[in-house]
């Protein structure tokens, strides 16, 4: 029963990751990581297919093997988080929410910067 559940989660995550390739607001990478995690518990063959995928495999292997993120992805994420906070600062008058969002984004940026470069 657990195998079926994990495999279902894996396929659902692959479906969402596929949609994320063409939809700008839906992230691809987190769903691929979830799919790799679920397939590792339900189907080693499918997990290896993801790890050996010509486009996404290198990123998955870097993350799974070393916890590494490409430097370009880190820079892009940090710039976009800063821009998002800037837009929020211009449109939202509540300083408590702005502070909370800033704290959260800073924590994410610190996490990204402390990961090794792929």
PDB file of N, CA and C in Angstrom:
ATOM      1  N   UNK A   1       0.819  -1.194   0.000  1.00  0.00           N
ATOM      2  CA  UNK A   1       0.000   0.000   0.000  1.00  0.00           C
ATOM      3  C   UNK A   1       0.864   1.261   0.000  1.00  0.00           C
ATOM      4  N   UNK A   2       1.970   1.251   0.821  1.00  0.00           N
ATOM      5  CA  UNK A   2       2.846   2.411   0.855  1.00  0.00           C
ATOM      6  C   UNK A   2       3.525   2.636  -0.491  1.00  0.00           C
ATOM      7  N   UNK A   3       3.846   1.556  -1.169  1.00  0.00           N
ATOM      8  CA  UNK A   3       4.495   1.678  -2.475  1.00  0.00           C
ATOM      9  C   UNK A   3       3.573   2.402  -3.448  1.00  0.00           C
ATOM     10  N   UNK A   4       2.304   2.054  -3.427  1.00  0.00           N
ATOM     11  CA  UNK A   4       1.333   2.700  -4.319  1.00  0.00           C
ATOM     12  C   UNK A   4       1.203   4.178  -3.974  1.00  0.00           C
ATOM     13  N   UNK A   5       1.166   4.496  -2.693  1.00  0.00           N
ATOM     14  CA  UNK A   5       1.062   5.886  -2.254  1.00  0.00           C
ATOM     15  C   UNK A   5       2.283   6.687  -2.706  1.00  0.00           C
ATOM     16  N   UNK A   6       3.479   6.161  -2.451  1.00  0.00           N
ATOM     17  CA  UNK A   6       4.693   6.869  -2.857  1.00  0.00           C
ATOM     18  C   UNK A   6       4.759   7.029  -4.374  1.00  0.00           C
ATOM     19  N   UNK A   7       4.389   5.993  -5.087  1.00  0.00           N
ATOM     20  CA  UNK A   7       4.418   6.085  -6.550  1.00  0.00           C
ATOM     21  C   UNK A   7       3.410   7.125  -7.047  1.00  0.00           C
ATOM     22  N   UNK A   8       2.244   7.180  -6.414  1.00  0.00           N
ATOM     23  CA  UNK A   8       1.250   8.196  -6.775  1.00  0.00           C
ATOM     24  C   UNK A   8       1.758   9.604  -6.508  1.00  0.00           C
ATOM     25  N   UNK A   9       2.403   9.785  -5.355  1.00  0.00           N
ATOM     26  CA  UNK A   9       2.987  11.092  -5.041  1.00  0.00           C
ATOM     27  C   UNK A   9       4.060  11.438  -6.073  1.00  0.00           C
ATOM     28  N   UNK A  10       4.870  10.453  -6.437  1.00  0.00           N
ATOM     29  CA  UNK A  10       5.923  10.685  -7.424  1.00  0.00           C
ATOM     30  C   UNK A  10       5.369  11.117  -8.768  1.00  0.00           C
ATOM     31  N   UNK A  11       4.361  10.403  -9.242  1.00  0.00           N
ATOM     32  CA  UNK A  11       3.781  10.755 -10.544  1.00  0.00           C
ATOM     33  C   UNK A  11       3.056  12.092 -10.493  1.00  0.00           C
ATOM     34  N   UNK A  12       2.382  12.384  -9.389  1.00  0.00           N
ATOM     35  CA  UNK A  12       1.719  13.687  -9.246  1.00  0.00           C
ATOM     36  C   UNK A  12       2.762  14.803  -9.267  1.00  0.00           C
ATOM     37  N   UNK A  13       3.882  14.586  -8.591  1.00  0.00           N
ATOM     38  CA  UNK A  13       4.943  15.591  -8.569  1.00  0.00           C
ATOM     39  C   UNK A  13       5.558  15.767  -9.955  1.00  0.00           C
ATOM     40  N   UNK A  14       5.734  14.682 -10.682  1.00  0.00           N
ATOM     41  CA  UNK A  14       6.245  14.793 -12.058  1.00  0.00           C
ATOM     42  C   UNK A  14       5.258  15.582 -12.914  1.00  0.00           C
ATOM     43  N   UNK A  15       3.980  15.328 -12.744  1.00  0.00           N
ATOM     44  CA  UNK A  15       2.966  16.076 -13.495  1.00  0.00           C
ATOM     45  C   UNK A  15       3.014  17.569 -13.184  1.00  0.00           C
ATOM     46  N   UNK A  16       3.133  17.905 -11.898  1.00  0.00           N
ATOM     47  CA  UNK A  16       3.216  19.312 -11.518  1.00  0.00           C
ATOM     48  C   UNK A  16       4.520  19.938 -12.007  1.00  0.00           C
ATOM     49  N   UNK A  17       5.610  19.191 -11.958  1.00  0.00           N
ATOM     50  CA  UNK A  17       6.886  19.702 -12.468  1.00  0.00           C
ATOM     51  C   UNK A  17       6.796  19.956 -13.972  1.00  0.00           C
ATOM     52  N   UNK A  18       6.129  19.060 -14.683  1.00  0.00           N
ATOM     53  CA  UNK A  18       5.953  19.236 -16.124  1.00  0.00           C
ATOM     54  C   UNK A  18       5.146  20.495 -16.410  1.00  0.00           C
ATOM     55  N   UNK A  19       4.099  20.707 -15.647  1.00  0.00           N
ATOM     56  CA  UNK A  19       3.308  21.929 -15.809  1.00  0.00           C
ATOM     57  C   UNK A  19       4.153  23.154 -15.468  1.00  0.00           C
ATOM     58  N   UNK A  20       5.036  23.014 -14.479  1.00  0.00           N
ATOM     59  CA  UNK A  20       5.887  24.129 -14.076  1.00  0.00           C
ATOM     60  C   UNK A  20       6.892  24.545 -15.131  1.00  0.00           C
ATOM     61  N   UNK A  21       7.170  23.664 -16.077  1.00  0.00           N
ATOM     62  CA  UNK A  21       8.091  24.017 -17.156  1.00  0.00           C
ATOM     63  C   UNK A  21       7.485  25.121 -18.016  1.00  0.00           C
ATOM     64  N   UNK A  22       6.175  25.102 -18.199  1.00  0.00           N
ATOM     65  CA  UNK A  22       5.534  26.090 -19.078  1.00  0.00           C
ATOM     66  C   UNK A  22       4.759  27.173 -18.324  1.00  0.00           C
ATOM     67  N   UNK A  23       4.447  26.947 -17.060  1.00  0.00           N
ATOM     68  CA  UNK A  23       3.724  27.947 -16.280  1.00  0.00           C
ATOM     69  C   UNK A  23       4.704  28.712 -15.394  1.00  0.00           C
ATOM     70  N   UNK A  24       4.803  30.018 -15.569  1.00  0.00           N
ATOM     71  CA  UNK A  24       5.829  30.771 -14.841  1.00  0.00           C
ATOM     72  C   UNK A  24       5.641  30.831 -13.325  1.00  0.00           C
ATOM     73  N   UNK A  25       4.438  30.649 -12.822  1.00  0.00           N
ATOM     74  CA  UNK A  25       4.225  30.761 -11.372  1.00  0.00           C
ATOM     75  C   UNK A  25       4.362  29.426 -10.645  1.00  0.00           C
ATOM     76  N   UNK A  26       4.503  28.350 -11.380  1.00  0.00           N
ATOM     77  CA  UNK A  26       4.590  27.026 -10.776  1.00  0.00           C
ATOM     78  C   UNK A  26       6.042  26.540 -10.842  1.00  0.00           C
ATOM     79  N   UNK A  27       6.671  26.305  -9.692  1.00  0.00           N
ATOM     80  CA  UNK A  27       8.079  25.893  -9.722  1.00  0.00           C
ATOM     81  C   UNK A  27       8.242  24.447 -10.184  1.00  0.00           C
ATOM     82  N   UNK A  28       9.318  24.193 -10.881  1.00  0.00           N
ATOM     83  CA  UNK A  28       9.612  22.848 -11.381  1.00  0.00           C
ATOM     84  C   UNK A  28      10.475  22.061 -10.404  1.00  0.00           C
ATOM     85  N   UNK A  29      11.533  22.683  -9.932  1.00  0.00           N
ATOM     86  CA  UNK A  29      12.541  21.979  -9.138  1.00  0.00           C
ATOM     87  C   UNK A  29      11.998  21.324  -7.876  1.00  0.00           C
ATOM     88  N   UNK A  30      11.210  22.026  -7.049  1.00  0.00           N
ATOM     89  CA  UNK A  30      10.738  21.350  -5.833  1.00  0.00           C
ATOM     90  C   UNK A  30       9.908  20.103  -6.131  1.00  0.00           C
ATOM     91  N   UNK A  31       9.138  20.156  -7.185  1.00  0.00           N
ATOM     92  CA  UNK A  31       8.327  18.987  -7.535  1.00  0.00           C
ATOM     93  C   UNK A  31       9.192  17.837  -8.031  1.00  0.00           C
ATOM     94  N   UNK A  32      10.271  18.148  -8.755  1.00  0.00           N
ATOM     95  CA  UNK A  32      11.187  17.083  -9.171  1.00  0.00           C
ATOM     96  C   UNK A  32      11.890  16.462  -7.974  1.00  0.00           C
ATOM     97  N   UNK A  33      12.227  17.273  -6.989  1.00  0.00           N
ATOM     98  CA  UNK A  33      12.854  16.741  -5.777  1.00  0.00           C
ATOM     99  C   UNK A  33      11.889  15.832  -5.020  1.00  0.00           C
ATOM    100  N   UNK A  34      10.627  16.235  -4.948  1.00  0.00           N
ATOM    101  CA  UNK A  34       9.615  15.393  -4.296  1.00  0.00           C
ATOM    102  C   UNK A  34       9.442  14.091  -5.075  1.00  0.00           C
ATOM    103  N   UNK A  35       9.401  14.191  -6.405  1.00  0.00           N
ATOM    104  CA  UNK A  35       9.251  12.991  -7.232  1.00  0.00           C
ATOM    105  C   UNK A  35      10.431  12.039  -7.021  1.00  0.00           C
ATOM    106  N   UNK A  36      11.651  12.581  -6.992  1.00  0.00           N
ATOM    107  CA  UNK A  36      12.827  11.733  -6.779  1.00  0.00           C
ATOM    108  C   UNK A  36      12.767  11.056  -5.413  1.00  0.00           C
ATOM    109  N   UNK A  37      12.339  11.794  -4.400  1.00  0.00           N
ATOM    110  CA  UNK A  37      12.205  11.244  -3.046  1.00  0.00           C
ATOM    111  C   UNK A  37      11.162  10.119  -3.024  1.00  0.00           C
ATOM    112  N   UNK A  38      10.000  10.379  -3.627  1.00  0.00           N
ATOM    113  CA  UNK A  38       8.929   9.376  -3.605  1.00  0.00           C
ATOM    114  C   UNK A  38       9.300   8.148  -4.424  1.00  0.00           C
ATOM    115  N   UNK A  39       9.901   8.350  -5.588  1.00  0.00           N
ATOM    116  CA  UNK A  39      10.288   7.206  -6.417  1.00  0.00           C
ATOM    117  C   UNK A  39      11.402   6.390  -5.762  1.00  0.00           C
ATOM    118  N   UNK A  40      12.270   7.034  -5.006  1.00  0.00           N
ATOM    119  CA  UNK A  40      13.326   6.291  -4.313  1.00  0.00           C
ATOM    120  C   UNK A  40      12.727   5.311  -3.314  1.00  0.00           C
ATOM    121  N   UNK A  41      11.533   5.610  -2.809  1.00  0.00           N
ATOM    122  CA  UNK A  41      10.877   4.739  -1.834  1.00  0.00           C
ATOM    123  C   UNK A  41       9.901   3.744  -2.470  1.00  0.00           C
ATOM    124  N   UNK A  42       9.611   3.943  -3.756  1.00  0.00           N
ATOM    125  CA  UNK A  42       8.622   3.060  -4.371  1.00  0.00           C
ATOM    126  C   UNK A  42       9.112   2.362  -5.627  1.00  0.00           C
ATOM    127  N   UNK A  43      10.008   2.992  -6.353  1.00  0.00           N
ATOM    128  CA  UNK A  43      10.452   2.419  -7.615  1.00  0.00           C
ATOM    129  C   UNK A  43      11.866   2.910  -7.931  1.00  0.00           C
ATOM    130  N   UNK A  44      12.875   2.139  -7.550  1.00  0.00           N
ATOM    131  CA  UNK A  44      14.254   2.560  -7.850  1.00  0.00           C
ATOM    132  C   UNK A  44      14.495   2.808  -9.344  1.00  0.00           C
ATOM    133  N   UNK A  45      13.776   2.077 -10.200  1.00  0.00           N
ATOM    134  CA  UNK A  45      13.943   2.277 -11.647  1.00  0.00           C
ATOM    135  C   UNK A  45      13.505   3.677 -12.054  1.00  0.00           C
ATOM    136  N   UNK A  46      12.351   4.131 -11.528  1.00  0.00           N
ATOM    137  CA  UNK A  46      11.870   5.471 -11.863  1.00  0.00           C
ATOM    138  C   UNK A  46      12.769   6.545 -11.261  1.00  0.00           C
ATOM    139  N   UNK A  47      13.289   6.291 -10.071  1.00  0.00           N
ATOM    140  CA  UNK A  47      14.219   7.246  -9.455  1.00  0.00           C
ATOM    141  C   UNK A  47      15.469   7.389 -10.322  1.00  0.00           C
ATOM    142  N   UNK A  48      15.967   6.284 -10.834  1.00  0.00           N
ATOM    143  CA  UNK A  48      17.148   6.344 -11.701  1.00  0.00           C
ATOM    144  C   UNK A  48      16.839   7.025 -13.025  1.00  0.00           C
ATOM    145  N   UNK A  49      15.626   6.829 -13.535  1.00  0.00           N
ATOM    146  CA  UNK A  49      15.250   7.535 -14.771  1.00  0.00           C
ATOM    147  C   UNK A  49      15.288   9.034 -14.561  1.00  0.00           C
ATOM    148  N   UNK A  50      14.806   9.500 -13.402  1.00  0.00           N
ATOM    149  CA  UNK A  50      14.878  10.932 -13.111  1.00  0.00           C
ATOM    150  C   UNK A  50      16.335  11.385 -12.974  1.00  0.00           C
ATOM    151  N   UNK A  51      17.140  10.614 -12.249  1.00  0.00           N
ATOM    152  CA  UNK A  51      18.548  10.984 -12.043  1.00  0.00           C
ATOM    153  C   UNK A  51      19.326  10.995 -13.354  1.00  0.00           C
ATOM    154  N   UNK A  52      18.910  10.202 -14.314  1.00  0.00           N
ATOM    155  CA  UNK A  52      19.618  10.118 -15.590  1.00  0.00           C
ATOM    156  C   UNK A  52      18.971  10.953 -16.692  1.00  0.00           C
ATOM    157  N   UNK A  53      17.953  11.724 -16.360  1.00  0.00           N
ATOM    158  CA  UNK A  53      17.292  12.566 -17.352  1.00  0.00           C
ATOM    159  C   UNK A  53      18.309  13.567 -17.907  1.00  0.00           C
ATOM    160  N   UNK A  54      18.338  13.754 -19.234  1.00  0.00           N
ATOM    161  CA  UNK A  54      19.366  14.627 -19.810  1.00  0.00           C
ATOM    162  C   UNK A  54      19.260  16.094 -19.355  1.00  0.00           C
ATOM    163  N   UNK A  55      18.066  16.578 -19.109  1.00  0.00           N
ATOM    164  CA  UNK A  55      17.896  17.989 -18.730  1.00  0.00           C
ATOM    165  C   UNK A  55      17.940  18.195 -17.212  1.00  0.00           C
ATOM    166  N   UNK A  56      17.195  17.394 -16.480  1.00  0.00           N
ATOM    167  CA  UNK A  56      17.041  17.611 -15.040  1.00  0.00           C
ATOM    168  C   UNK A  56      17.946  16.738 -14.182  1.00  0.00           C
ATOM    169  N   UNK A  57      18.469  15.670 -14.750  1.00  0.00           N
ATOM    170  CA  UNK A  57      19.288  14.742 -13.997  1.00  0.00           C
ATOM    171  C   UNK A  57      20.504  15.363 -13.309  1.00  0.00           C
ATOM    172  N   UNK A  58      21.279  16.185 -14.028  1.00  0.00           N
ATOM    173  CA  UNK A  58      22.451  16.767 -13.371  1.00  0.00           C
ATOM    174  C   UNK A  58      22.100  17.611 -12.138  1.00  0.00           C
ATOM    175  N   UNK A  59      21.011  18.369 -12.208  1.00  0.00           N
ATOM    176  CA  UNK A  59      20.600  19.186 -11.067  1.00  0.00           C
ATOM    177  C   UNK A  59      20.164  18.314  -9.890  1.00  0.00           C
ATOM    178  N   UNK A  60      19.409  17.257 -10.190  1.00  0.00           N
ATOM    179  CA  UNK A  60      18.982  16.337  -9.135  1.00  0.00           C
ATOM    180  C   UNK A  60      20.176  15.636  -8.492  1.00  0.00           C
ATOM    181  N   UNK A  61      21.102  15.171  -9.318  1.00  0.00           N
ATOM    182  CA  UNK A  61      22.282  14.485  -8.776  1.00  0.00           C
ATOM    183  C   UNK A  61      23.122  15.428  -7.918  1.00  0.00           C
ATOM    184  N   UNK A  62      23.301  16.668  -8.384  1.00  0.00           N
ATOM    185  CA  UNK A  62      24.070  17.638  -7.591  1.00  0.00           C
ATOM    186  C   UNK A  62      23.420  17.859  -6.227  1.00  0.00           C
ATOM    187  N   UNK A  63      22.102  18.003  -6.215  1.00  0.00           N
ATOM    188  CA  UNK A  63      21.409  18.235  -4.950  1.00  0.00           C
ATOM    189  C   UNK A  63      21.454  17.000  -4.052  1.00  0.00           C
ATOM    190  N   UNK A  64      21.145  15.837  -4.616  1.00  0.00           N
ATOM    191  CA  UNK A  64      21.088  14.615  -3.815  1.00  0.00           C
ATOM    192  C   UNK A  64      22.464  14.187  -3.309  1.00  0.00           C
ATOM    193  N   UNK A  65      23.472  14.362  -4.126  1.00  0.00           N
ATOM    194  CA  UNK A  65      24.803  13.881  -3.760  1.00  0.00           C
ATOM    195  C   UNK A  65      25.581  14.863  -2.884  1.00  0.00           C
ATOM    196  N   UNK A  66      25.420  16.190  -3.165  1.00  0.00           N
ATOM    197  CA  UNK A  66      26.244  17.166  -2.446  1.00  0.00           C
ATOM    198  C   UNK A  66      25.448  18.319  -1.843  1.00  0.00           C
ATOM    199  N   UNK A  67      24.149  18.360  -2.076  1.00  0.00           N
ATOM    200  CA  UNK A  67      23.364  19.491  -1.600  1.00  0.00           C
ATOM    201  C   UNK A  67      23.723  20.764  -2.341  1.00  0.00           C
ATOM    202  N   UNK A  68      24.176  20.633  -3.589  1.00  0.00           N
ATOM    203  CA  UNK A  68      24.685  21.767  -4.360  1.00  0.00           C
ATOM    204  C   UNK A  68      23.607  22.384  -5.244  1.00  0.00           C
ATOM    205  N   UNK A  69      23.692  23.708  -5.387  1.00  0.00           N
ATOM    206  CA  UNK A  69      22.774  24.485  -6.222  1.00  0.00           C
ATOM    207  C   UNK A  69      23.631  25.297  -7.181  1.00  0.00           C
ATOM    208  N   UNK A  70      23.246  25.374  -8.467  1.00  0.00           N
ATOM    209  CA  UNK A  70      24.035  26.182  -9.408  1.00  0.00           C
ATOM    210  C   UNK A  70      24.096  27.647  -8.971  1.00  0.00           C
ATOM    211  N   UNK A  71      25.257  28.262  -9.147  1.00  0.00           N
ATOM    212  CA  UNK A  71      25.449  29.658  -8.741  1.00  0.00           C
ATOM    213  C   UNK A  71      24.467  30.583  -9.459  1.00  0.00           C
ATOM    214  N   UNK A  72      24.206  30.309 -10.725  1.00  0.00           N
ATOM    215  CA  UNK A  72      23.271  31.145 -11.482  1.00  0.00           C
ATOM    216  C   UNK A  72      21.858  31.057 -10.885  1.00  0.00           C
ATOM    217  N   UNK A  73      21.463  29.874 -10.457  1.00  0.00           N
ATOM    218  CA  UNK A  73      20.145  29.703  -9.837  1.00  0.00           C
ATOM    219  C   UNK A  73      20.068  30.443  -8.510  1.00  0.00           C
ATOM    220  N   UNK A  74      21.151  30.399  -7.741  1.00  0.00           N
ATOM    221  CA  UNK A  74      21.184  31.135  -6.476  1.00  0.00           C
ATOM    222  C   UNK A  74      21.024  32.630  -6.719  1.00  0.00           C
ATOM    223  N   UNK A  75      21.814  33.152  -7.652  1.00  0.00           N
ATOM    224  CA  UNK A  75      21.775  34.585  -7.941  1.00  0.00           C
ATOM    225  C   UNK A  75      20.397  35.004  -8.443  1.00  0.00           C
ATOM    226  N   UNK A  76      19.832  34.209  -9.331  1.00  0.00           N
ATOM    227  CA  UNK A  76      18.503  34.525  -9.857  1.00  0.00           C
ATOM    228  C   UNK A  76      17.463  34.528  -8.753  1.00  0.00           C
ATOM    229  N   UNK A  77      17.511  33.535  -7.892  1.00  0.00           N
ATOM    230  CA  UNK A  77      16.537  33.449  -6.803  1.00  0.00           C
ATOM    231  C   UNK A  77      16.653  34.648  -5.867  1.00  0.00           C
ATOM    232  N   UNK A  78      17.861  35.028  -5.521  1.00  0.00           N
ATOM    233  CA  UNK A  78      18.051  36.138  -4.587  1.00  0.00           C
ATOM    234  C   UNK A  78      17.612  37.461  -5.208  1.00  0.00           C
ATOM    235  N   UNK A  79      17.948  37.676  -6.476  1.00  0.00           N
ATOM    236  CA  UNK A  79      17.524  38.908  -7.156  1.00  0.00           C
ATOM    237  C   UNK A  79      16.002  38.968  -7.247  1.00  0.00           C
ATOM    238  N   UNK A  80      15.372  37.860  -7.595  1.00  0.00           N
ATOM    239  CA  UNK A  80      13.911  37.858  -7.712  1.00  0.00           C
ATOM    240  C   UNK A  80      13.221  38.002  -6.353  1.00  0.00           C
ATOM    241  N   UNK A  81      13.818  37.438  -5.303  1.00  0.00           N
ATOM    242  CA  UNK A  81      13.246  37.632  -3.964  1.00  0.00           C
ATOM    243  C   UNK A  81      13.336  39.102  -3.555  1.00  0.00           C
ATOM    244  N   UNK A  82      14.466  39.734  -3.842  1.00  0.00           N
ATOM    245  CA  UNK A  82      14.624  41.155  -3.515  1.00  0.00           C
ATOM    246  C   UNK A  82      13.640  42.004  -4.307  1.00  0.00           C
ATOM    247  N   UNK A  83      13.479  41.697  -5.582  1.00  0.00           N
ATOM    248  CA  UNK A  83      12.528  42.440  -6.407  1.00  0.00           C
ATOM    249  C   UNK A  83      11.097  42.239  -5.906  1.00  0.00           C
ATOM    250  N   UNK A  84      10.768  41.024  -5.531  1.00  0.00           N
ATOM    251  CA  UNK A  84       9.422  40.746  -5.009  1.00  0.00           C
ATOM    252  C   UNK A  84       9.169  41.532  -3.726  1.00  0.00           C
ATOM    253  N   UNK A  85      10.173  41.586  -2.869  1.00  0.00           N
ATOM    254  CA  UNK A  85      10.010  42.335  -1.634  1.00  0.00           C
ATOM    255  C   UNK A  85       9.869  43.824  -1.945  1.00  0.00           C
ATOM    256  N   UNK A  86      10.610  44.306  -2.937  1.00  0.00           N
ATOM    257  CA  UNK A  86      10.501  45.712  -3.337  1.00  0.00           C
ATOM    258  C   UNK A  86       9.104  46.066  -3.814  1.00  0.00           C
ATOM    259  N   UNK A  87       8.526  45.207  -4.625  1.00  0.00           N
ATOM    260  CA  UNK A  87       7.153  45.433  -5.096  1.00  0.00           C
ATOM    261  C   UNK A  87       6.194  45.412  -3.915  1.00  0.00           C
ATOM    262  N   UNK A  88       6.387  44.476  -3.025  1.00  0.00           N
ATOM    263  CA  UNK A  88       5.537  44.385  -1.840  1.00  0.00           C
ATOM    264  C   UNK A  88       5.669  45.645  -0.985  1.00  0.00           C
ATOM    265  N   UNK A  89       6.889  46.144  -0.840  1.00  0.00           N
ATOM    266  CA  UNK A  89       7.124  47.348  -0.031  1.00  0.00           C
ATOM    267  C   UNK A  89       6.422  48.562  -0.631  1.00  0.00           C
ATOM    268  N   UNK A  90       6.323  48.602  -1.957  1.00  0.00           N
ATOM    269  CA  UNK A  90       5.659  49.726  -2.613  1.00  0.00           C
ATOM    270  C   UNK A  90       4.139  49.635  -2.555  1.00  0.00           C
ATOM    271  N   UNK A  91       3.621  48.441  -2.361  1.00  0.00           N
ATOM    272  CA  UNK A  91       2.166  48.263  -2.450  1.00  0.00           C
ATOM    273  C   UNK A  91       1.501  47.912  -1.131  1.00  0.00           C
ATOM    274  N   UNK A  92       2.269  47.579  -0.115  1.00  0.00           N
ATOM    275  CA  UNK A  92       1.683  47.125   1.144  1.00  0.00           C
ATOM    276  C   UNK A  92       2.081  48.072   2.277  1.00  0.00           C
ATOM    277  N   UNK A  93       1.115  48.685   2.934  1.00  0.00           N
ATOM    278  CA  UNK A  93       1.467  49.648   3.975  1.00  0.00           C
ATOM    279  C   UNK A  93       1.770  49.025   5.342  1.00  0.00           C
ATOM    280  N   UNK A  94       1.532  47.750   5.541  1.00  0.00           N
ATOM    281  CA  UNK A  94       1.686  47.133   6.849  1.00  0.00           C
ATOM    282  C   UNK A  94       3.147  46.764   7.118  1.00  0.00           C
ATOM    283  N   UNK A  95       3.807  47.478   8.054  1.00  0.00           N
ATOM    284  CA  UNK A  95       5.231  47.198   8.298  1.00  0.00           C
ATOM    285  C   UNK A  95       5.479  45.841   8.945  1.00  0.00           C
ATOM    286  N   UNK A  96       4.510  45.303   9.667  1.00  0.00           N
ATOM    287  CA  UNK A  96       4.691  43.991  10.302  1.00  0.00           C
ATOM    288  C   UNK A  96       4.775  42.886   9.240  1.00  0.00           C
ATOM    289  N   UNK A  97       3.919  42.975   8.273  1.00  0.00           N
ATOM    290  CA  UNK A  97       3.959  41.975   7.200  1.00  0.00           C
ATOM    291  C   UNK A  97       5.239  42.131   6.396  1.00  0.00           C
ATOM    292  N   UNK A  98       5.609  43.372   6.087  1.00  0.00           N
ATOM    293  CA  UNK A  98       6.858  43.611   5.347  1.00  0.00           C
ATOM    294  C   UNK A  98       8.056  43.051   6.102  1.00  0.00           C
ATOM    295  N   UNK A  99       8.078  43.250   7.399  1.00  0.00           N
ATOM    296  CA  UNK A  99       9.176  42.722   8.213  1.00  0.00           C
ATOM    297  C   UNK A  99       9.199  41.207   8.226  1.00  0.00           C
ATOM    298  N   UNK A 100       8.027  40.603   8.358  1.00  0.00           N
ATOM    299  CA  UNK A 100       7.947  39.143   8.355  1.00  0.00           C
ATOM    300  C   UNK A 100       8.395  38.551   7.032  1.00  0.00           C
ATOM    301  N   UNK A 101       7.956  39.175   5.942  1.00  0.00           N
ATOM    302  CA  UNK A 101       8.365  38.699   4.617  1.00  0.00           C
ATOM    303  C   UNK A 101       9.863  38.893   4.442  1.00  0.00           C
ATOM    304  N   UNK A 102      10.378  40.043   4.874  1.00  0.00           N
ATOM    305  CA  UNK A 102      11.820  40.299   4.757  1.00  0.00           C
ATOM    306  C   UNK A 102      12.623  39.265   5.548  1.00  0.00           C
ATOM    307  N   UNK A 103      12.175  38.958   6.750  1.00  0.00           N
ATOM    308  CA  UNK A 103      12.883  37.969   7.570  1.00  0.00           C
ATOM    309  C   UNK A 103      12.874  36.595   6.899  1.00  0.00           C
ATOM    310  N   UNK A 104      11.729  36.211   6.358  1.00  0.00           N
ATOM    311  CA  UNK A 104      11.618  34.924   5.685  1.00  0.00           C
ATOM    312  C   UNK A 104      12.526  34.869   4.459  1.00  0.00           C
ATOM    313  N   UNK A 105      12.486  35.923   3.646  1.00  0.00           N
ATOM    314  CA  UNK A 105      13.317  35.950   2.444  1.00  0.00           C
ATOM    315  C   UNK A 105      14.804  35.969   2.792  1.00  0.00           C
ATOM    316  N   UNK A 106      15.176  36.649   3.862  1.00  0.00           N
ATOM    317  CA  UNK A 106      16.582  36.646   4.293  1.00  0.00           C
ATOM    318  C   UNK A 106      17.015  35.243   4.720  1.00  0.00           C
ATOM    319  N   UNK A 107      16.150  34.539   5.418  1.00  0.00           N
ATOM    320  CA  UNK A 107      16.478  33.161   5.824  1.00  0.00           C
ATOM    321  C   UNK A 107      16.663  32.266   4.604  1.00  0.00           C
ATOM    322  N   UNK A 108      15.802  32.416   3.612  1.00  0.00           N
ATOM    323  CA  UNK A 108      15.935  31.620   2.390  1.00  0.00           C
ATOM    324  C   UNK A 108      17.225  31.985   1.665  1.00  0.00           C
ATOM    325  N   UNK A 109      17.548  33.275   1.585  1.00  0.00           N
ATOM    326  CA  UNK A 109      18.777  33.707   0.921  1.00  0.00           C
ATOM    327  C   UNK A 109      20.009  33.146   1.644  1.00  0.00           C
ATOM    328  N   UNK A 110      19.988  33.167   2.968  1.00  0.00           N
ATOM    329  CA  UNK A 110      21.113  32.608   3.730  1.00  0.00           C
ATOM    330  C   UNK A 110      21.246  31.120   3.459  1.00  0.00           C
ATOM    331  N   UNK A 111      20.126  30.418   3.430  1.00  0.00           N
ATOM    332  CA  UNK A 111      20.164  28.988   3.107  1.00  0.00           C
ATOM    333  C   UNK A 111      20.796  28.767   1.738  1.00  0.00           C
ATOM    334  N   UNK A 112      20.350  29.523   0.740  1.00  0.00           N
ATOM    335  CA  UNK A 112      20.899  29.367  -0.610  1.00  0.00           C
ATOM    336  C   UNK A 112      22.398  29.639  -0.646  1.00  0.00           C
ATOM    337  N   UNK A 113      22.798  30.700   0.031  1.00  0.00           N
ATOM    338  CA  UNK A 113      24.213  31.087  -0.014  1.00  0.00           C
ATOM    339  C   UNK A 113      25.115  30.110   0.719  1.00  0.00           C
ATOM    340  N   UNK A 114      24.564  29.367   1.661  1.00  0.00           N
ATOM    341  CA  UNK A 114      25.388  28.398   2.395  1.00  0.00           C
ATOM    342  C   UNK A 114      25.469  27.033   1.714  1.00  0.00           C
ATOM    343  N   UNK A 115      24.730  26.830   0.644  1.00  0.00           N
ATOM    344  CA  UNK A 115      24.828  25.577  -0.113  1.00  0.00           C
ATOM    345  C   UNK A 115      26.025  25.658  -1.048  1.00  0.00           C
ATOM    346  N   UNK A 116      26.687  24.531  -1.297  1.00  0.00           N
ATOM    347  CA  UNK A 116      27.807  24.551  -2.252  1.00  0.00           C
ATOM    348  C   UNK A 116      27.307  24.850  -3.667  1.00  0.00           C
ATOM    349  N   UNK A 117      28.193  25.411  -4.467  1.00  0.00           N
ATOM    350  CA  UNK A 117      27.873  25.671  -5.875  1.00  0.00           C
ATOM    351  C   UNK A 117      27.965  24.389  -6.685  1.00  0.00           C
ATOM    352  N   UNK A 118      27.022  24.222  -7.584  1.00  0.00           N
ATOM    353  CA  UNK A 118      27.043  23.053  -8.468  1.00  0.00           C
ATOM    354  C   UNK A 118      27.940  23.315  -9.652  1.00  0.00           C
TER     355      UNK A 118
END
